[in-house]
Amino acid sequence: MIDVALYLTYFLVLASVLLVLGFAIWFLVKNFKKSKNTLAGALVLIIIFLISYFISSGEVYEKFQIGEGLSKLIGGSLITLYIMFAGTIVVAIYAEIAKLFK
């Protein structure tokens, strides 16, 4: 009985993800002019991640069974997180300073 419910859950989660992605792509195609800022933001995030991935070390951690590829992925994700966090802080400070001069 548990197997059937588990497979049903897998199917429903997969169907939900596919529907969300499908409707997102449909909206982007239908309203391309409105979606330019969203696409630009996603492109910037992808570029930041790629730069972070390439500068991260691929150190192998045998104790935790982490190979070079997974290590680079984890390192790139962490560097991306640090860059986005620093960017958020800078934007918040800029917004407060700009508010003072208005």
PDB file of N, CA and C in Angstrom:
ATOM      1  N   MET A   1       0.827  -1.200   0.000  1.00  0.00           N
ATOM      2  CA  MET A   1       0.000   0.000   0.000  1.00  0.00           C
ATOM      3  C   MET A   1       0.866   1.257   0.000  1.00  0.00           C
ATOM      4  N   ILE A   2       1.961   1.205   0.765  1.00  0.00           N
ATOM      5  CA  ILE A   2       2.836   2.374   0.826  1.00  0.00           C
ATOM      6  C   ILE A   2       3.502   2.616  -0.522  1.00  0.00           C
ATOM      7  N   ASP A   3       3.848   1.540  -1.241  1.00  0.00           N
ATOM      8  CA  ASP A   3       4.484   1.695  -2.545  1.00  0.00           C
ATOM      9  C   ASP A   3       3.591   2.450  -3.520  1.00  0.00           C
ATOM     10  N   VAL A   4       2.317   2.140  -3.538  1.00  0.00           N
ATOM     11  CA  VAL A   4       1.393   2.806  -4.454  1.00  0.00           C
ATOM     12  C   VAL A   4       1.297   4.289  -4.116  1.00  0.00           C
ATOM     13  N   ALA A   5       1.172   4.617  -2.846  1.00  0.00           N
ATOM     14  CA  ALA A   5       1.079   6.020  -2.435  1.00  0.00           C
ATOM     15  C   ALA A   5       2.375   6.763  -2.741  1.00  0.00           C
ATOM     16  N   LEU A   6       3.502   6.104  -2.567  1.00  0.00           N
ATOM     17  CA  LEU A   6       4.791   6.737  -2.834  1.00  0.00           C
ATOM     18  C   LEU A   6       4.946   7.026  -4.324  1.00  0.00           C
ATOM     19  N   TYR A   7       4.591   6.061  -5.170  1.00  0.00           N
ATOM     20  CA  TYR A   7       4.674   6.282  -6.615  1.00  0.00           C
ATOM     21  C   TYR A   7       3.682   7.342  -7.070  1.00  0.00           C
ATOM     22  N   LEU A   8       2.515   7.381  -6.470  1.00  0.00           N
ATOM     23  CA  LEU A   8       1.539   8.409  -6.794  1.00  0.00           C
ATOM     24  C   LEU A   8       2.073   9.795  -6.416  1.00  0.00           C
ATOM     25  N   THR A   9       2.726   9.866  -5.272  1.00  0.00           N
ATOM     26  CA  THR A   9       3.326  11.135  -4.846  1.00  0.00           C
ATOM     27  C   THR A   9       4.417  11.567  -5.810  1.00  0.00           C
ATOM     28  N   TYR A  10       5.279  10.636  -6.219  1.00  0.00           N
ATOM     29  CA  TYR A  10       6.315  10.958  -7.209  1.00  0.00           C
ATOM     30  C   TYR A  10       5.693  11.488  -8.487  1.00  0.00           C
ATOM     31  N   PHE A  11       4.652  10.822  -8.959  1.00  0.00           N
ATOM     32  CA  PHE A  11       3.983  11.243 -10.189  1.00  0.00           C
ATOM     33  C   PHE A  11       3.386  12.638 -10.048  1.00  0.00           C
ATOM     34  N   LEU A  12       2.716  12.897  -8.936  1.00  0.00           N
ATOM     35  CA  LEU A  12       2.075  14.200  -8.747  1.00  0.00           C
ATOM     36  C   LEU A  12       3.095  15.328  -8.619  1.00  0.00           C
ATOM     37  N   VAL A  13       4.213  15.061  -7.940  1.00  0.00           N
ATOM     38  CA  VAL A  13       5.262  16.078  -7.825  1.00  0.00           C
ATOM     39  C   VAL A  13       5.867  16.359  -9.191  1.00  0.00           C
ATOM     40  N   LEU A  14       6.154  15.310  -9.959  1.00  0.00           N
ATOM     41  CA  LEU A  14       6.704  15.492 -11.301  1.00  0.00           C
ATOM     42  C   LEU A  14       5.722  16.244 -12.199  1.00  0.00           C
ATOM     43  N   ALA A  15       4.447  15.879 -12.135  1.00  0.00           N
ATOM     44  CA  ALA A  15       3.435  16.573 -12.937  1.00  0.00           C
ATOM     45  C   ALA A  15       3.336  18.044 -12.537  1.00  0.00           C
ATOM     46  N   SER A  16       3.412  18.327 -11.253  1.00  0.00           N
ATOM     47  CA  SER A  16       3.354  19.715 -10.775  1.00  0.00           C
ATOM     48  C   SER A  16       4.533  20.522 -11.282  1.00  0.00           C
ATOM     49  N   VAL A  17       5.723  19.955 -11.197  1.00  0.00           N
ATOM     50  CA  VAL A  17       6.922  20.656 -11.668  1.00  0.00           C
ATOM     51  C   VAL A  17       6.834  20.914 -13.166  1.00  0.00           C
ATOM     52  N   LEU A  18       6.413  19.911 -13.932  1.00  0.00           N
ATOM     53  CA  LEU A  18       6.287  20.095 -15.375  1.00  0.00           C
ATOM     54  C   LEU A  18       5.239  21.146 -15.725  1.00  0.00           C
ATOM     55  N   LEU A  19       4.115  21.174 -15.014  1.00  0.00           N
ATOM     56  CA  LEU A  19       3.091  22.181 -15.266  1.00  0.00           C
ATOM     57  C   LEU A  19       3.576  23.585 -14.922  1.00  0.00           C
ATOM     58  N   VAL A  20       4.281  23.715 -13.807  1.00  0.00           N
ATOM     59  CA  VAL A  20       4.808  25.035 -13.423  1.00  0.00           C
ATOM     60  C   VAL A  20       5.799  25.528 -14.467  1.00  0.00           C
ATOM     61  N   LEU A  21       6.717  24.665 -14.881  1.00  0.00           N
ATOM     62  CA  LEU A  21       7.680  25.068 -15.907  1.00  0.00           C
ATOM     63  C   LEU A  21       6.992  25.364 -17.235  1.00  0.00           C
ATOM     64  N   GLY A  22       6.011  24.563 -17.593  1.00  0.00           N
ATOM     65  CA  GLY A  22       5.286  24.788 -18.839  1.00  0.00           C
ATOM     66  C   GLY A  22       4.555  26.119 -18.853  1.00  0.00           C
ATOM     67  N   PHE A  23       3.849  26.429 -17.775  1.00  0.00           N
ATOM     68  CA  PHE A  23       3.138  27.705 -17.715  1.00  0.00           C
ATOM     69  C   PHE A  23       4.095  28.892 -17.643  1.00  0.00           C
ATOM     70  N   ALA A  24       5.243  28.717 -16.985  1.00  0.00           N
ATOM     71  CA  ALA A  24       6.233  29.799 -16.943  1.00  0.00           C
ATOM     72  C   ALA A  24       6.782  30.082 -18.335  1.00  0.00           C
ATOM     73  N   ILE A  25       7.099  29.037 -19.066  1.00  0.00           N
ATOM     74  CA  ILE A  25       7.604  29.225 -20.431  1.00  0.00           C
ATOM     75  C   ILE A  25       6.513  29.805 -21.320  1.00  0.00           C
ATOM     76  N   TRP A  26       5.282  29.346 -21.164  1.00  0.00           N
ATOM     77  CA  TRP A  26       4.169  29.872 -21.947  1.00  0.00           C
ATOM     78  C   TRP A  26       3.977  31.366 -21.677  1.00  0.00           C
ATOM     79  N   PHE A  27       4.068  31.771 -20.406  1.00  0.00           N
ATOM     80  CA  PHE A  27       3.921  33.187 -20.068  1.00  0.00           C
ATOM     81  C   PHE A  27       5.066  34.005 -20.661  1.00  0.00           C
ATOM     82  N   LEU A  28       6.289  33.464 -20.590  1.00  0.00           N
ATOM     83  CA  LEU A  28       7.432  34.193 -21.141  1.00  0.00           C
ATOM     84  C   LEU A  28       7.300  34.381 -22.647  1.00  0.00           C
ATOM     85  N   VAL A  29       6.819  33.372 -23.339  1.00  0.00           N
ATOM     86  CA  VAL A  29       6.659  33.479 -24.785  1.00  0.00           C
ATOM     87  C   VAL A  29       5.509  34.421 -25.126  1.00  0.00           C
ATOM     88  N   LYS A  30       4.410  34.316 -24.398  1.00  0.00           N
ATOM     89  CA  LYS A  30       3.232  35.132 -24.685  1.00  0.00           C
ATOM     90  C   LYS A  30       3.470  36.608 -24.360  1.00  0.00           C
ATOM     91  N   ASN A  31       4.156  36.901 -23.274  1.00  0.00           N
ATOM     92  CA  ASN A  31       4.394  38.276 -22.828  1.00  0.00           C
ATOM     93  C   ASN A  31       5.888  38.564 -22.798  1.00  0.00           C
ATOM     94  N   PHE A  32       6.528  38.481 -23.955  1.00  0.00           N
ATOM     95  CA  PHE A  32       7.988  38.609 -23.991  1.00  0.00           C
ATOM     96  C   PHE A  32       8.457  39.993 -23.547  1.00  0.00           C
ATOM     97  N   LYS A  33       7.754  41.035 -23.938  1.00  0.00           N
ATOM     98  CA  LYS A  33       8.189  42.393 -23.565  1.00  0.00           C
ATOM     99  C   LYS A  33       8.125  42.605 -22.059  1.00  0.00           C
ATOM    100  N   LYS A  34       7.100  42.044 -21.413  1.00  0.00           N
ATOM    101  CA  LYS A  34       6.995  42.174 -19.961  1.00  0.00           C
ATOM    102  C   LYS A  34       8.024  41.310 -19.241  1.00  0.00           C
ATOM    103  N   SER A  35       8.527  40.298 -19.911  1.00  0.00           N
ATOM    104  CA  SER A  35       9.412  39.327 -19.278  1.00  0.00           C
ATOM    105  C   SER A  35      10.892  39.656 -19.438  1.00  0.00           C
ATOM    106  N   LYS A  36      11.222  40.736 -20.117  1.00  0.00           N
ATOM    107  CA  LYS A  36      12.629  41.043 -20.359  1.00  0.00           C
ATOM    108  C   LYS A  36      13.418  41.226 -19.070  1.00  0.00           C
ATOM    109  N   ASN A  37      12.840  41.908 -18.072  1.00  0.00           N
ATOM    110  CA  ASN A  37      13.554  42.104 -16.808  1.00  0.00           C
ATOM    111  C   ASN A  37      13.770  40.776 -16.077  1.00  0.00           C
ATOM    112  N   THR A  38      12.780  39.910 -16.124  1.00  0.00           N
ATOM    113  CA  THR A  38      12.908  38.603 -15.486  1.00  0.00           C
ATOM    114  C   THR A  38      13.997  37.776 -16.163  1.00  0.00           C
ATOM    115  N   LEU A  39      14.004  37.783 -17.484  1.00  0.00           N
ATOM    116  CA  LEU A  39      15.016  37.035 -18.220  1.00  0.00           C
ATOM    117  C   LEU A  39      16.407  37.610 -17.990  1.00  0.00           C
ATOM    118  N   ALA A  40      16.508  38.937 -17.904  1.00  0.00           N
ATOM    119  CA  ALA A  40      17.807  39.561 -17.640  1.00  0.00           C
ATOM    120  C   ALA A  40      18.305  39.180 -16.250  1.00  0.00           C
ATOM    121  N   GLY A  41      17.426  39.174 -15.266  1.00  0.00           N
ATOM    122  CA  GLY A  41      17.813  38.774 -13.916  1.00  0.00           C
ATOM    123  C   GLY A  41      18.258  37.322 -13.847  1.00  0.00           C
ATOM    124  N   ALA A  42      17.532  36.447 -14.538  1.00  0.00           N
ATOM    125  CA  ALA A  42      17.907  35.032 -14.569  1.00  0.00           C
ATOM    126  C   ALA A  42      19.239  34.841 -15.270  1.00  0.00           C
ATOM    127  N   LEU A  43      19.478  35.594 -16.337  1.00  0.00           N
ATOM    128  CA  LEU A  43      20.746  35.509 -17.055  1.00  0.00           C
ATOM    129  C   LEU A  43      21.904  35.974 -16.174  1.00  0.00           C
ATOM    130  N   VAL A  44      21.707  37.053 -15.437  1.00  0.00           N
ATOM    131  CA  VAL A  44      22.749  37.537 -14.522  1.00  0.00           C
ATOM    132  C   VAL A  44      23.040  36.499 -13.448  1.00  0.00           C
ATOM    133  N   LEU A  45      22.002  35.872 -12.908  1.00  0.00           N
ATOM    134  CA  LEU A  45      22.197  34.844 -11.895  1.00  0.00           C
ATOM    135  C   LEU A  45      22.954  33.641 -12.455  1.00  0.00           C
ATOM    136  N   ILE A  46      22.643  33.239 -13.675  1.00  0.00           N
ATOM    137  CA  ILE A  46      23.352  32.128 -14.309  1.00  0.00           C
ATOM    138  C   ILE A  46      24.815  32.485 -14.547  1.00  0.00           C
ATOM    139  N   ILE A  47      25.066  33.711 -14.991  1.00  0.00           N
ATOM    140  CA  ILE A  47      26.455  34.149 -15.226  1.00  0.00           C
ATOM    141  C   ILE A  47      27.237  34.171 -13.919  1.00  0.00           C
ATOM    142  N   ILE A  48      26.622  34.690 -12.857  1.00  0.00           N
ATOM    143  CA  ILE A  48      27.289  34.706 -11.549  1.00  0.00           C
ATOM    144  C   ILE A  48      27.598  33.288 -11.095  1.00  0.00           C
ATOM    145  N   PHE A  49      26.646  32.361 -11.286  1.00  0.00           N
ATOM    146  CA  PHE A  49      26.904  30.981 -10.879  1.00  0.00           C
ATOM    147  C   PHE A  49      28.020  30.353 -11.702  1.00  0.00           C
ATOM    148  N   LEU A  50      28.041  30.594 -13.010  1.00  0.00           N
ATOM    149  CA  LEU A  50      29.093  30.012 -13.843  1.00  0.00           C
ATOM    150  C   LEU A  50      30.471  30.528 -13.452  1.00  0.00           C
ATOM    151  N   ILE A  51      30.570  31.831 -13.195  1.00  0.00           N
ATOM    152  CA  ILE A  51      31.849  32.387 -12.746  1.00  0.00           C
ATOM    153  C   ILE A  51      32.244  31.767 -11.409  1.00  0.00           C
ATOM    154  N   SER A  52      31.293  31.649 -10.506  1.00  0.00           N
ATOM    155  CA  SER A  52      31.564  31.055  -9.197  1.00  0.00           C
ATOM    156  C   SER A  52      31.978  29.591  -9.328  1.00  0.00           C
ATOM    157  N   TYR A  53      31.331  28.875 -10.223  1.00  0.00           N
ATOM    158  CA  TYR A  53      31.654  27.462 -10.429  1.00  0.00           C
ATOM    159  C   TYR A  53      33.086  27.298 -10.930  1.00  0.00           C
ATOM    160  N   PHE A  54      33.480  28.154 -11.875  1.00  0.00           N
ATOM    161  CA  PHE A  54      34.813  28.015 -12.447  1.00  0.00           C
ATOM    162  C   PHE A  54      35.924  28.466 -11.503  1.00  0.00           C
ATOM    163  N   ILE A  55      35.630  29.344 -10.547  1.00  0.00           N
ATOM    164  CA  ILE A  55      36.683  29.759  -9.619  1.00  0.00           C
ATOM    165  C   ILE A  55      36.709  28.920  -8.346  1.00  0.00           C
ATOM    166  N   SER A  56      35.709  28.055  -8.155  1.00  0.00           N
ATOM    167  CA  SER A  56      35.698  27.226  -6.946  1.00  0.00           C
ATOM    168  C   SER A  56      36.709  26.091  -7.094  1.00  0.00           C
ATOM    169  N   SER A  57      37.208  25.638  -5.953  1.00  0.00           N
ATOM    170  CA  SER A  57      38.184  24.553  -5.986  1.00  0.00           C
ATOM    171  C   SER A  57      37.460  23.222  -6.156  1.00  0.00           C
ATOM    172  N   GLY A  58      38.130  22.299  -6.759  1.00  0.00           N
ATOM    173  CA  GLY A  58      37.554  20.975  -6.952  1.00  0.00           C
ATOM    174  C   GLY A  58      38.175  19.972  -6.003  1.00  0.00           C
ATOM    175  N   GLU A  59      38.378  20.401  -4.771  1.00  0.00           N
ATOM    176  CA  GLU A  59      39.046  19.544  -3.799  1.00  0.00           C
ATOM    177  C   GLU A  59      38.194  18.316  -3.490  1.00  0.00           C
ATOM    178  N   VAL A  60      38.842  17.150  -3.489  1.00  0.00           N
ATOM    179  CA  VAL A  60      38.143  15.890  -3.241  1.00  0.00           C
ATOM    180  C   VAL A  60      38.149  15.601  -1.742  1.00  0.00           C
ATOM    181  N   TYR A  61      36.969  15.282  -1.207  1.00  0.00           N
ATOM    182  CA  TYR A  61      36.827  14.930   0.204  1.00  0.00           C
ATOM    183  C   TYR A  61      36.431  13.455   0.286  1.00  0.00           C
ATOM    184  N   GLU A  62      37.434  12.586   0.388  1.00  0.00           N
ATOM    185  CA  GLU A  62      37.160  11.152   0.409  1.00  0.00           C
ATOM    186  C   GLU A  62      36.391  10.728   1.651  1.00  0.00           C
ATOM    187  N   LYS A  63      36.613  11.425   2.755  1.00  0.00           N
ATOM    188  CA  LYS A  63      35.933  11.075   3.997  1.00  0.00           C
ATOM    189  C   LYS A  63      34.414  11.175   3.843  1.00  0.00           C
ATOM    190  N   PHE A  64      33.975  12.175   3.091  1.00  0.00           N
ATOM    191  CA  PHE A  64      32.540  12.395   2.897  1.00  0.00           C
ATOM    192  C   PHE A  64      32.052  11.884   1.545  1.00  0.00           C
ATOM    193  N   GLN A  65      32.899  11.215   0.790  1.00  0.00           N
ATOM    194  CA  GLN A  65      32.594  10.670  -0.532  1.00  0.00           C
ATOM    195  C   GLN A  65      32.124  11.763  -1.494  1.00  0.00           C
ATOM    196  N   ILE A  66      32.859  12.863  -1.510  1.00  0.00           N
ATOM    197  CA  ILE A  66      32.556  13.982  -2.398  1.00  0.00           C
ATOM    198  C   ILE A  66      33.672  14.079  -3.422  1.00  0.00           C
ATOM    199  N   GLY A  67      33.316  13.890  -4.684  1.00  0.00           N
ATOM    200  CA  GLY A  67      34.279  13.957  -5.767  1.00  0.00           C
ATOM    201  C   GLY A  67      34.517  15.389  -6.228  1.00  0.00           C
ATOM    202  N   GLU A  68      35.318  15.506  -7.276  1.00  0.00           N
ATOM    203  CA  GLU A  68      35.687  16.830  -7.771  1.00  0.00           C
ATOM    204  C   GLU A  68      34.491  17.593  -8.331  1.00  0.00           C
ATOM    205  N   GLY A  69      33.638  16.917  -9.098  1.00  0.00           N
ATOM    206  CA  GLY A  69      32.484  17.592  -9.705  1.00  0.00           C
ATOM    207  C   GLY A  69      31.501  18.111  -8.671  1.00  0.00           C
ATOM    208  N   LEU A  70      31.181  17.276  -7.697  1.00  0.00           N
ATOM    209  CA  LEU A  70      30.256  17.702  -6.649  1.00  0.00           C
ATOM    210  C   LEU A  70      30.869  18.794  -5.785  1.00  0.00           C
ATOM    211  N   SER A  71      32.178  18.703  -5.550  1.00  0.00           N
ATOM    212  CA  SER A  71      32.858  19.731  -4.766  1.00  0.00           C
ATOM    213  C   SER A  71      32.816  21.084  -5.471  1.00  0.00           C
ATOM    214  N   LYS A  72      33.011  21.079  -6.802  1.00  0.00           N
ATOM    215  CA  LYS A  72      32.926  22.333  -7.556  1.00  0.00           C
ATOM    216  C   LYS A  72      31.502  22.880  -7.543  1.00  0.00           C
ATOM    217  N   LEU A  73      30.508  21.997  -7.617  1.00  0.00           N
ATOM    218  CA  LEU A  73      29.114  22.437  -7.583  1.00  0.00           C
ATOM    219  C   LEU A  73      28.766  23.062  -6.238  1.00  0.00           C
ATOM    220  N   ILE A  74      29.188  22.417  -5.163  1.00  0.00           N
ATOM    221  CA  ILE A  74      28.936  22.962  -3.827  1.00  0.00           C
ATOM    222  C   ILE A  74      29.677  24.279  -3.642  1.00  0.00           C
ATOM    223  N   GLY A  75      30.943  24.311  -4.029  1.00  0.00           N
ATOM    224  CA  GLY A  75      31.729  25.541  -3.904  1.00  0.00           C
ATOM    225  C   GLY A  75      31.155  26.678  -4.728  1.00  0.00           C
ATOM    226  N   GLY A  76      30.751  26.376  -5.960  1.00  0.00           N
ATOM    227  CA  GLY A  76      30.145  27.398  -6.813  1.00  0.00           C
ATOM    228  C   GLY A  76      28.842  27.921  -6.241  1.00  0.00           C
ATOM    229  N   SER A  77      28.055  27.029  -5.658  1.00  0.00           N
ATOM    230  CA  SER A  77      26.794  27.449  -5.042  1.00  0.00           C
ATOM    231  C   SER A  77      27.044  28.344  -3.839  1.00  0.00           C
ATOM    232  N   LEU A  78      28.041  27.990  -3.026  1.00  0.00           N
ATOM    233  CA  LEU A  78      28.348  28.821  -1.861  1.00  0.00           C
ATOM    234  C   LEU A  78      28.882  30.184  -2.263  1.00  0.00           C
ATOM    235  N   ILE A  79      29.760  30.220  -3.260  1.00  0.00           N
ATOM    236  CA  ILE A  79      30.295  31.510  -3.721  1.00  0.00           C
ATOM    237  C   ILE A  79      29.171  32.364  -4.300  1.00  0.00           C
ATOM    238  N   THR A  80      28.252  31.746  -5.044  1.00  0.00           N
ATOM    239  CA  THR A  80      27.092  32.473  -5.565  1.00  0.00           C
ATOM    240  C   THR A  80      26.261  33.044  -4.427  1.00  0.00           C
ATOM    241  N   LEU A  81      26.068  32.252  -3.390  1.00  0.00           N
ATOM    242  CA  LEU A  81      25.320  32.721  -2.219  1.00  0.00           C
ATOM    243  C   LEU A  81      26.012  33.921  -1.584  1.00  0.00           C
ATOM    244  N   TYR A  82      27.323  33.855  -1.436  1.00  0.00           N
ATOM    245  CA  TYR A  82      28.064  34.974  -0.829  1.00  0.00           C
ATOM    246  C   TYR A  82      27.959  36.227  -1.685  1.00  0.00           C
ATOM    247  N   ILE A  83      28.068  36.072  -3.001  1.00  0.00           N
ATOM    248  CA  ILE A  83      27.975  37.236  -3.900  1.00  0.00           C
ATOM    249  C   ILE A  83      26.582  37.844  -3.837  1.00  0.00           C
ATOM    250  N   MET A  84      25.557  37.009  -3.842  1.00  0.00           N
ATOM    251  CA  MET A  84      24.188  37.526  -3.781  1.00  0.00           C
ATOM    252  C   MET A  84      23.904  38.191  -2.433  1.00  0.00           C
ATOM    253  N   PHE A  85      24.431  37.626  -1.367  1.00  0.00           N
ATOM    254  CA  PHE A  85      24.257  38.226  -0.042  1.00  0.00           C
ATOM    255  C   PHE A  85      24.939  39.587   0.024  1.00  0.00           C
ATOM    256  N   ALA A  86      26.173  39.673  -0.475  1.00  0.00           N
ATOM    257  CA  ALA A  86      26.892  40.950  -0.479  1.00  0.00           C
ATOM    258  C   ALA A  86      26.169  41.970  -1.361  1.00  0.00           C
ATOM    259  N   GLY A  87      25.661  41.513  -2.497  1.00  0.00           N
ATOM    260  CA  GLY A  87      24.913  42.415  -3.369  1.00  0.00           C
ATOM    261  C   GLY A  87      23.657  42.938  -2.708  1.00  0.00           C
ATOM    262  N   THR A  88      22.979  42.096  -1.955  1.00  0.00           N
ATOM    263  CA  THR A  88      21.785  42.520  -1.234  1.00  0.00           C
ATOM    264  C   THR A  88      22.114  43.580  -0.200  1.00  0.00           C
ATOM    265  N   ILE A  89      23.206  43.385   0.520  1.00  0.00           N
ATOM    266  CA  ILE A  89      23.629  44.367   1.519  1.00  0.00           C
ATOM    267  C   ILE A  89      23.961  45.699   0.849  1.00  0.00           C
ATOM    268  N   VAL A  90      24.688  45.646  -0.262  1.00  0.00           N
ATOM    269  CA  VAL A  90      25.072  46.883  -0.976  1.00  0.00           C
ATOM    270  C   VAL A  90      23.834  47.608  -1.486  1.00  0.00           C
ATOM    271  N   VAL A  91      22.875  46.886  -2.051  1.00  0.00           N
ATOM    272  CA  VAL A  91      21.655  47.516  -2.566  1.00  0.00           C
ATOM    273  C   VAL A  91      20.836  48.116  -1.433  1.00  0.00           C
ATOM    274  N   ALA A  92      20.769  47.443  -0.293  1.00  0.00           N
ATOM    275  CA  ALA A  92      20.017  47.973   0.847  1.00  0.00           C
ATOM    276  C   ALA A  92      20.662  49.256   1.368  1.00  0.00           C
ATOM    277  N   ILE A  93      21.980  49.276   1.471  1.00  0.00           N
ATOM    278  CA  ILE A  93      22.683  50.489   1.925  1.00  0.00           C
ATOM    279  C   ILE A  93      22.488  51.615   0.922  1.00  0.00           C
ATOM    280  N   TYR A  94      22.609  51.290  -0.376  1.00  0.00           N
ATOM    281  CA  TYR A  94      22.408  52.309  -1.402  1.00  0.00           C
ATOM    282  C   TYR A  94      20.991  52.885  -1.341  1.00  0.00           C
ATOM    283  N   ALA A  95      20.000  52.038  -1.141  1.00  0.00           N
ATOM    284  CA  ALA A  95      18.614  52.508  -1.085  1.00  0.00           C
ATOM    285  C   ALA A  95      18.402  53.439   0.100  1.00  0.00           C
ATOM    286  N   GLU A  96      19.003  53.116   1.227  1.00  0.00           N
ATOM    287  CA  GLU A  96      18.850  53.983   2.405  1.00  0.00           C
ATOM    288  C   GLU A  96      19.557  55.317   2.213  1.00  0.00           C
ATOM    289  N   ILE A  97      20.738  55.285   1.626  1.00  0.00           N
ATOM    290  CA  ILE A  97      21.476  56.543   1.385  1.00  0.00           C
ATOM    291  C   ILE A  97      20.754  57.382   0.339  1.00  0.00           C
ATOM    292  N   ALA A  98      20.235  56.757  -0.711  1.00  0.00           N
ATOM    293  CA  ALA A  98      19.499  57.488  -1.752  1.00  0.00           C
ATOM    294  C   ALA A  98      18.235  58.105  -1.172  1.00  0.00           C
ATOM    295  N   LYS A  99      17.614  57.405  -0.224  1.00  0.00           N
ATOM    296  CA  LYS A  99      16.392  57.923   0.416  1.00  0.00           C
ATOM    297  C   LYS A  99      16.690  59.177   1.229  1.00  0.00           C
ATOM    298  N   LEU A 100      17.904  59.258   1.812  1.00  0.00           N
ATOM    299  CA  LEU A 100      18.272  60.433   2.602  1.00  0.00           C
ATOM    300  C   LEU A 100      18.389  61.685   1.750  1.00  0.00           C
ATOM    301  N   PHE A 101      18.834  61.529   0.488  1.00  0.00           N
ATOM    302  CA  PHE A 101      19.064  62.668  -0.368  1.00  0.00           C
ATOM    303  C   PHE A 101      17.826  63.081  -1.168  1.00  0.00           C
ATOM    304  N   LYS A 102      16.730  62.374  -1.021  1.00  0.00           N
ATOM    305  CA  LYS A 102      15.515  62.750  -1.748  1.00  0.00           C
ATOM    306  C   LYS A 102      14.621  63.605  -0.896  1.00  0.00           C
TER     307      LYS A 102
END
